[in-house]
Amino acid sequence: MTQAKPKAQKTTAPSKLDRLETLLKRKTGASLAEMTKATGWQTHSVRGAMAGALKKKRGLAISSEKLNGERRYRIVGGAGA
């Protein structure tokens, strides 16, 4: 009788939306340049993901402010805020 080898557990890498959410949860938030670099997306795709997937589907409140001439985005409050 042969013993079955235990299957190696696959760990999935965080999705690009998860990466965006992580960046936006930082105290300092994230710039558009940081988000495009982290995802490999174009700027309009990052903005669309924030408006659609993160705001509407995940219920996250995203604020933006301009600091030192650079727009920064961040998640404020909890889900549904």
N, C-alpha and C. Protein backbone atom coordinates (compact mmCIF):
# COMPACT_ATOMS: atom_id res chain seq x y z
N MET A 1 0.84 -1.17 0.00
CA MET A 1 0.00 0.00 0.00
C MET A 1 0.90 1.24 0.00
N THR A 2 0.62 2.17 -0.88
CA THR A 2 1.42 3.39 -0.93
C THR A 2 0.73 4.49 -0.15
N GLN A 3 1.54 5.30 0.47
CA GLN A 3 0.99 6.41 1.23
C GLN A 3 0.88 7.64 0.33
N ALA A 4 -0.20 8.32 0.49
CA ALA A 4 -0.39 9.55 -0.29
C ALA A 4 0.49 10.65 0.29
N LYS A 5 1.14 11.35 -0.59
CA LYS A 5 1.98 12.46 -0.14
C LYS A 5 1.08 13.64 0.21
N PRO A 6 1.37 14.28 1.32
CA PRO A 6 0.56 15.46 1.65
C PRO A 6 0.80 16.56 0.62
N LYS A 7 -0.30 17.17 0.22
CA LYS A 7 -0.19 18.24 -0.78
C LYS A 7 0.37 19.50 -0.13
N ALA A 8 1.25 20.13 -0.83
CA ALA A 8 1.80 21.39 -0.33
C ALA A 8 0.72 22.46 -0.39
N GLN A 9 0.61 23.21 0.68
CA GLN A 9 -0.39 24.27 0.71
C GLN A 9 0.10 25.42 -0.15
N LYS A 10 -0.79 25.88 -0.99
CA LYS A 10 -0.46 27.03 -1.82
C LYS A 10 -0.91 28.29 -1.09
N THR A 11 0.01 29.21 -0.98
CA THR A 11 -0.37 30.49 -0.40
C THR A 11 -0.57 31.46 -1.55
N THR A 12 -1.71 32.08 -1.54
CA THR A 12 -2.01 33.00 -2.63
C THR A 12 -1.47 34.38 -2.29
N ALA A 13 -0.92 35.00 -3.28
CA ALA A 13 -0.41 36.35 -3.11
C ALA A 13 -1.60 37.31 -2.99
N PRO A 14 -1.41 38.40 -2.29
CA PRO A 14 -2.52 39.36 -2.19
C PRO A 14 -2.88 39.90 -3.58
N SER A 15 -4.16 40.09 -3.78
CA SER A 15 -4.61 40.63 -5.07
C SER A 15 -4.20 42.09 -5.18
N LYS A 16 -4.32 42.63 -6.36
CA LYS A 16 -3.96 44.03 -6.56
C LYS A 16 -4.88 44.95 -5.77
N LEU A 17 -6.14 44.55 -5.65
CA LEU A 17 -7.07 45.35 -4.83
C LEU A 17 -6.66 45.30 -3.36
N ASP A 18 -6.20 44.13 -2.92
CA ASP A 18 -5.72 44.01 -1.54
C ASP A 18 -4.50 44.90 -1.32
N ARG A 19 -3.62 44.96 -2.32
CA ARG A 19 -2.45 45.83 -2.22
C ARG A 19 -2.87 47.30 -2.12
N LEU A 20 -3.85 47.69 -2.94
CA LEU A 20 -4.35 49.06 -2.87
C LEU A 20 -4.92 49.36 -1.49
N GLU A 21 -5.71 48.44 -0.98
CA GLU A 21 -6.33 48.64 0.33
C GLU A 21 -5.27 48.79 1.41
N THR A 22 -4.22 47.97 1.35
CA THR A 22 -3.14 48.05 2.32
C THR A 22 -2.44 49.41 2.26
N LEU A 23 -2.16 49.88 1.05
CA LEU A 23 -1.53 51.19 0.90
C LEU A 23 -2.42 52.30 1.45
N LEU A 24 -3.70 52.21 1.17
CA LEU A 24 -4.63 53.26 1.58
C LEU A 24 -4.90 53.25 3.08
N LYS A 25 -4.66 52.13 3.75
CA LYS A 25 -4.88 52.04 5.19
C LYS A 25 -3.72 52.61 6.00
N ARG A 26 -2.61 52.91 5.34
CA ARG A 26 -1.49 53.51 6.06
C ARG A 26 -1.89 54.88 6.57
N LYS A 27 -1.28 55.30 7.66
CA LYS A 27 -1.59 56.59 8.26
C LYS A 27 -1.39 57.72 7.25
N THR A 28 -0.35 57.61 6.43
CA THR A 28 -0.06 58.65 5.44
C THR A 28 -0.79 58.43 4.13
N GLY A 29 -1.49 57.32 4.00
CA GLY A 29 -2.20 57.01 2.77
C GLY A 29 -1.24 56.68 1.65
N ALA A 30 -1.65 56.96 0.41
CA ALA A 30 -0.82 56.64 -0.74
C ALA A 30 -1.06 57.66 -1.85
N SER A 31 -0.02 57.91 -2.61
CA SER A 31 -0.16 58.78 -3.77
C SER A 31 -0.57 57.92 -4.96
N LEU A 32 -1.04 58.57 -5.98
CA LEU A 32 -1.42 57.87 -7.21
C LEU A 32 -0.21 57.15 -7.80
N ALA A 33 0.95 57.78 -7.72
CA ALA A 33 2.18 57.17 -8.24
C ALA A 33 2.52 55.88 -7.49
N GLU A 34 2.35 55.89 -6.16
CA GLU A 34 2.63 54.69 -5.36
C GLU A 34 1.67 53.56 -5.72
N MET A 35 0.41 53.92 -5.94
CA MET A 35 -0.59 52.90 -6.26
C MET A 35 -0.39 52.32 -7.66
N THR A 36 0.00 53.16 -8.63
CA THR A 36 0.24 52.64 -9.98
C THR A 36 1.48 51.75 -9.98
N LYS A 37 2.48 52.09 -9.19
CA LYS A 37 3.69 51.26 -9.11
C LYS A 37 3.38 49.91 -8.45
N ALA A 38 2.56 49.92 -7.41
CA ALA A 38 2.24 48.69 -6.68
C ALA A 38 1.38 47.73 -7.50
N THR A 39 0.53 48.27 -8.37
CA THR A 39 -0.39 47.42 -9.13
C THR A 39 0.03 47.20 -10.58
N GLY A 40 0.81 48.13 -11.13
CA GLY A 40 1.14 48.04 -12.55
C GLY A 40 0.02 48.57 -13.43
N TRP A 41 -1.00 49.18 -12.81
CA TRP A 41 -2.13 49.72 -13.54
C TRP A 41 -1.85 51.16 -13.96
N GLN A 42 -2.63 51.63 -14.93
CA GLN A 42 -2.58 53.03 -15.31
C GLN A 42 -3.39 53.84 -14.30
N THR A 43 -3.17 55.14 -14.30
CA THR A 43 -3.81 55.99 -13.28
C THR A 43 -5.33 55.93 -13.33
N HIS A 44 -5.91 55.89 -14.53
CA HIS A 44 -7.37 55.85 -14.61
C HIS A 44 -7.91 54.53 -14.06
N SER A 45 -7.14 53.46 -14.16
CA SER A 45 -7.57 52.17 -13.62
C SER A 45 -7.53 52.18 -12.10
N VAL A 46 -6.52 52.82 -11.53
CA VAL A 46 -6.43 52.93 -10.07
C VAL A 46 -7.60 53.75 -9.54
N ARG A 47 -7.89 54.87 -10.19
CA ARG A 47 -9.03 55.70 -9.76
C ARG A 47 -10.34 54.92 -9.87
N GLY A 48 -10.49 54.17 -10.94
CA GLY A 48 -11.69 53.37 -11.13
C GLY A 48 -11.84 52.29 -10.07
N ALA A 49 -10.72 51.67 -9.70
CA ALA A 49 -10.75 50.63 -8.66
C ALA A 49 -11.12 51.23 -7.31
N MET A 50 -10.62 52.43 -7.04
CA MET A 50 -10.97 53.08 -5.77
C MET A 50 -12.46 53.40 -5.73
N ALA A 51 -12.98 53.92 -6.84
CA ALA A 51 -14.40 54.31 -6.88
C ALA A 51 -15.32 53.11 -6.92
N GLY A 52 -14.96 52.09 -7.66
CA GLY A 52 -15.83 50.94 -7.84
C GLY A 52 -15.63 49.86 -6.80
N ALA A 53 -14.52 49.17 -6.89
CA ALA A 53 -14.30 47.99 -6.05
C ALA A 53 -14.12 48.34 -4.58
N LEU A 54 -13.37 49.39 -4.28
CA LEU A 54 -13.11 49.69 -2.88
C LEU A 54 -14.25 50.48 -2.23
N LYS A 55 -14.77 51.49 -2.92
CA LYS A 55 -15.84 52.30 -2.33
C LYS A 55 -17.18 51.57 -2.37
N LYS A 56 -17.59 51.15 -3.56
CA LYS A 56 -18.92 50.59 -3.72
C LYS A 56 -19.02 49.15 -3.24
N LYS A 57 -18.10 48.30 -3.66
CA LYS A 57 -18.21 46.87 -3.33
C LYS A 57 -17.73 46.56 -1.92
N ARG A 58 -16.62 47.14 -1.50
CA ARG A 58 -16.09 46.85 -0.17
C ARG A 58 -16.59 47.83 0.88
N GLY A 59 -17.27 48.88 0.46
CA GLY A 59 -17.86 49.83 1.40
C GLY A 59 -16.87 50.68 2.16
N LEU A 60 -15.71 50.95 1.57
CA LEU A 60 -14.69 51.74 2.25
C LEU A 60 -14.83 53.22 1.90
N ALA A 61 -14.61 54.06 2.89
CA ALA A 61 -14.64 55.51 2.67
C ALA A 61 -13.23 55.98 2.38
N ILE A 62 -13.03 56.57 1.21
CA ILE A 62 -11.71 57.02 0.80
C ILE A 62 -11.71 58.53 0.72
N SER A 63 -10.74 59.13 1.37
CA SER A 63 -10.61 60.59 1.31
C SER A 63 -9.33 60.94 0.57
N SER A 64 -9.29 62.16 0.07
CA SER A 64 -8.07 62.63 -0.58
C SER A 64 -7.77 64.04 -0.12
N GLU A 65 -6.50 64.34 -0.03
CA GLU A 65 -6.07 65.69 0.31
C GLU A 65 -4.75 65.96 -0.36
N LYS A 66 -4.49 67.22 -0.59
CA LYS A 66 -3.26 67.61 -1.26
C LYS A 66 -2.26 68.08 -0.20
N LEU A 67 -1.13 67.37 -0.10
CA LEU A 67 -0.08 67.71 0.85
C LEU A 67 1.20 67.99 0.08
N ASN A 68 1.77 69.15 0.30
CA ASN A 68 3.03 69.53 -0.37
C ASN A 68 2.94 69.36 -1.88
N GLY A 69 1.81 69.72 -2.44
CA GLY A 69 1.65 69.66 -3.89
C GLY A 69 1.35 68.28 -4.44
N GLU A 70 1.18 67.28 -3.57
CA GLU A 70 0.90 65.91 -4.03
C GLU A 70 -0.41 65.43 -3.42
N ARG A 71 -1.29 64.88 -4.24
CA ARG A 71 -2.56 64.36 -3.75
C ARG A 71 -2.33 63.01 -3.10
N ARG A 72 -2.85 62.85 -1.88
CA ARG A 72 -2.74 61.60 -1.12
C ARG A 72 -4.14 61.06 -0.87
N TYR A 73 -4.31 59.78 -1.02
CA TYR A 73 -5.59 59.11 -0.79
C TYR A 73 -5.43 58.19 0.41
N ARG A 74 -6.49 58.06 1.20
CA ARG A 74 -6.43 57.11 2.32
C ARG A 74 -7.84 56.69 2.71
N ILE A 75 -7.90 55.55 3.37
CA ILE A 75 -9.17 55.04 3.88
C ILE A 75 -9.41 55.67 5.24
N VAL A 76 -10.60 56.20 5.41
CA VAL A 76 -10.97 56.81 6.69
C VAL A 76 -12.09 56.00 7.31
N GLY A 77 -12.05 55.86 8.63
CA GLY A 77 -13.09 55.11 9.32
C GLY A 77 -13.06 53.63 8.96
N GLY A 78 -14.12 52.93 9.33
CA GLY A 78 -14.22 51.50 9.04
C GLY A 78 -15.09 51.26 7.83
N ALA A 79 -15.44 50.01 7.61
CA ALA A 79 -16.31 49.65 6.49
C ALA A 79 -17.66 50.31 6.68
N GLY A 80 -18.19 50.81 5.60
CA GLY A 80 -19.49 51.45 5.65
C GLY A 80 -19.49 52.83 6.26
N ALA A 81 -18.30 53.39 6.46
CA ALA A 81 -18.21 54.72 7.08
C ALA A 81 -18.60 55.82 6.13
